[in-house]
Amino acid sequence: MIDITHRPSLIPAAGRSGVVRPSPRSLLTRLAALLRTYQQRQLQRRELRMLDERGLKDIGLTRAQVDVECSKPFWRP
């Protein structure tokens, strides 16, 4: 019988549990990207709210549709 516990090349990168944990740097990168997305949504909804009826007609939206979109919290797409 061959003992593979002393041969690291045969042990999966995730370890025995099979769970791969992201590095702290990748978590921070993902968090920064998420915060940018939230900020962009908030800005876009603010700009959408400022459009007049003519501007809304140009992009094919009604004031009611804008109200629905702008009432969403920033974390909701």
C-alpha atoms as a PDB file:
ATOM      1  CA  MET A   1       0.000   0.000   0.000  1.00  0.00           C
ATOM      2  CA  ILE A   2       1.272   3.489  -0.913  1.00  0.00           C
ATOM      3  CA  ASP A   3       1.013   6.300   1.597  1.00  0.00           C
ATOM      4  CA  ILE A   4       0.215   9.531  -0.313  1.00  0.00           C
ATOM      5  CA  THR A   5      -0.084  11.818   2.709  1.00  0.00           C
ATOM      6  CA  HIS A   6       3.631  12.667   2.452  1.00  0.00           C
ATOM      7  CA  ARG A   7       3.474  13.479  -1.264  1.00  0.00           C
ATOM      8  CA  PRO A   8       2.063  17.008  -1.602  1.00  0.00           C
ATOM      9  CA  SER A   9       1.703  16.713  -5.370  1.00  0.00           C
ATOM     10  CA  LEU A  10      -1.020  14.108  -4.903  1.00  0.00           C
ATOM     11  CA  ILE A  11      -3.049  16.135  -2.394  1.00  0.00           C
ATOM     12  CA  PRO A  12      -5.641  18.413  -4.031  1.00  0.00           C
ATOM     13  CA  ALA A  13      -4.975  22.162  -3.845  1.00  0.00           C
ATOM     14  CA  ALA A  14      -8.212  22.577  -1.898  1.00  0.00           C
ATOM     15  CA  GLY A  15      -7.014  20.236   0.812  1.00  0.00           C
ATOM     16  CA  ARG A  16      -8.994  17.365   2.196  1.00  0.00           C
ATOM     17  CA  SER A  17     -12.193  19.386   2.625  1.00  0.00           C
ATOM     18  CA  GLY A  18     -12.412  20.227  -1.076  1.00  0.00           C
ATOM     19  CA  VAL A  19     -13.046  23.900  -0.278  1.00  0.00           C
ATOM     20  CA  VAL A  20     -10.876  26.477  -1.999  1.00  0.00           C
ATOM     21  CA  ARG A  21     -10.722  29.708  -0.041  1.00  0.00           C
ATOM     22  CA  PRO A  22     -10.147  32.955  -1.897  1.00  0.00           C
ATOM     23  CA  SER A  23      -7.181  35.060  -0.886  1.00  0.00           C
ATOM     24  CA  PRO A  24      -7.758  38.236   1.128  1.00  0.00           C
ATOM     25  CA  ARG A  25      -6.535  40.252  -1.863  1.00  0.00           C
ATOM     26  CA  SER A  26      -9.132  38.707  -4.184  1.00  0.00           C
ATOM     27  CA  LEU A  27     -11.841  39.361  -1.601  1.00  0.00           C
ATOM     28  CA  LEU A  28     -10.820  43.020  -1.415  1.00  0.00           C
ATOM     29  CA  THR A  29     -10.761  43.255  -5.208  1.00  0.00           C
ATOM     30  CA  ARG A  30     -14.246  41.775  -5.438  1.00  0.00           C
ATOM     31  CA  LEU A  31     -15.509  44.075  -2.676  1.00  0.00           C
ATOM     32  CA  ALA A  32     -14.087  47.140  -4.453  1.00  0.00           C
ATOM     33  CA  ALA A  33     -15.757  46.079  -7.708  1.00  0.00           C
ATOM     34  CA  LEU A  34     -19.064  45.576  -5.919  1.00  0.00           C
ATOM     35  CA  LEU A  35     -18.858  49.012  -4.311  1.00  0.00           C
ATOM     36  CA  ARG A  36     -18.129  50.579  -7.723  1.00  0.00           C
ATOM     37  CA  THR A  37     -21.175  48.810  -9.150  1.00  0.00           C
ATOM     38  CA  TYR A  38     -23.362  50.117  -6.309  1.00  0.00           C
ATOM     39  CA  GLN A  39     -22.037  53.632  -6.828  1.00  0.00           C
ATOM     40  CA  GLN A  40     -22.645  53.483 -10.594  1.00  0.00           C
ATOM     41  CA  ARG A  41     -26.229  52.284 -10.084  1.00  0.00           C
ATOM     42  CA  GLN A  42     -26.921  55.090  -7.657  1.00  0.00           C
ATOM     43  CA  LEU A  43     -25.490  57.688 -10.036  1.00  0.00           C
ATOM     44  CA  GLN A  44     -27.370  56.311 -13.058  1.00  0.00           C
ATOM     45  CA  ARG A  45     -30.655  56.288 -11.168  1.00  0.00           C
ATOM     46  CA  ARG A  46     -30.085  59.848  -9.992  1.00  0.00           C
ATOM     47  CA  GLU A  47     -29.421  60.975 -13.569  1.00  0.00           C
ATOM     48  CA  LEU A  48     -32.448  59.057 -14.831  1.00  0.00           C
ATOM     49  CA  ARG A  49     -34.634  60.784 -12.244  1.00  0.00           C
ATOM     50  CA  MET A  50     -33.436  64.191 -13.510  1.00  0.00           C
ATOM     51  CA  LEU A  51     -34.561  63.608 -17.115  1.00  0.00           C
ATOM     52  CA  ASP A  52     -37.543  65.594 -18.337  1.00  0.00           C
ATOM     53  CA  GLU A  53     -40.436  64.082 -20.269  1.00  0.00           C
ATOM     54  CA  ARG A  54     -38.771  64.735 -23.624  1.00  0.00           C
ATOM     55  CA  GLY A  55     -35.589  62.969 -22.516  1.00  0.00           C
ATOM     56  CA  LEU A  56     -37.595  60.016 -21.237  1.00  0.00           C
ATOM     57  CA  LYS A  57     -39.486  59.812 -24.523  1.00  0.00           C
ATOM     58  CA  ASP A  58     -36.151  59.779 -26.394  1.00  0.00           C
ATOM     59  CA  ILE A  59     -35.019  56.694 -24.492  1.00  0.00           C
ATOM     60  CA  GLY A  60     -38.433  55.047 -24.547  1.00  0.00           C
ATOM     61  CA  LEU A  61     -39.314  55.230 -20.860  1.00  0.00           C
ATOM     62  CA  THR A  62     -42.301  56.589 -18.993  1.00  0.00           C
ATOM     63  CA  ARG A  63     -42.160  58.524 -15.729  1.00  0.00           C
ATOM     64  CA  ALA A  64     -43.802  55.531 -14.013  1.00  0.00           C
ATOM     65  CA  GLN A  65     -41.023  53.205 -15.200  1.00  0.00           C
ATOM     66  CA  VAL A  66     -38.417  55.661 -13.958  1.00  0.00           C
ATOM     67  CA  ASP A  67     -40.151  55.890 -10.587  1.00  0.00           C
ATOM     68  CA  VAL A  68     -40.075  52.101 -10.256  1.00  0.00           C
ATOM     69  CA  GLU A  69     -36.391  51.942 -11.200  1.00  0.00           C
ATOM     70  CA  CYS A  70     -35.402  54.801  -8.923  1.00  0.00           C
ATOM     71  CA  SER A  71     -37.273  53.362  -5.957  1.00  0.00           C
ATOM     72  CA  LYS A  72     -34.984  50.311  -5.926  1.00  0.00           C
ATOM     73  CA  PRO A  73     -32.191  50.202  -3.344  1.00  0.00           C
ATOM     74  CA  PHE A  74     -28.670  50.547  -4.748  1.00  0.00           C
ATOM     75  CA  TRP A  75     -27.871  46.873  -4.199  1.00  0.00           C
ATOM     76  CA  ARG A  76     -30.737  45.703  -6.398  1.00  0.00           C
ATOM     77  CA  PRO A  77     -30.140  45.548 -10.169  1.00  0.00           C
END
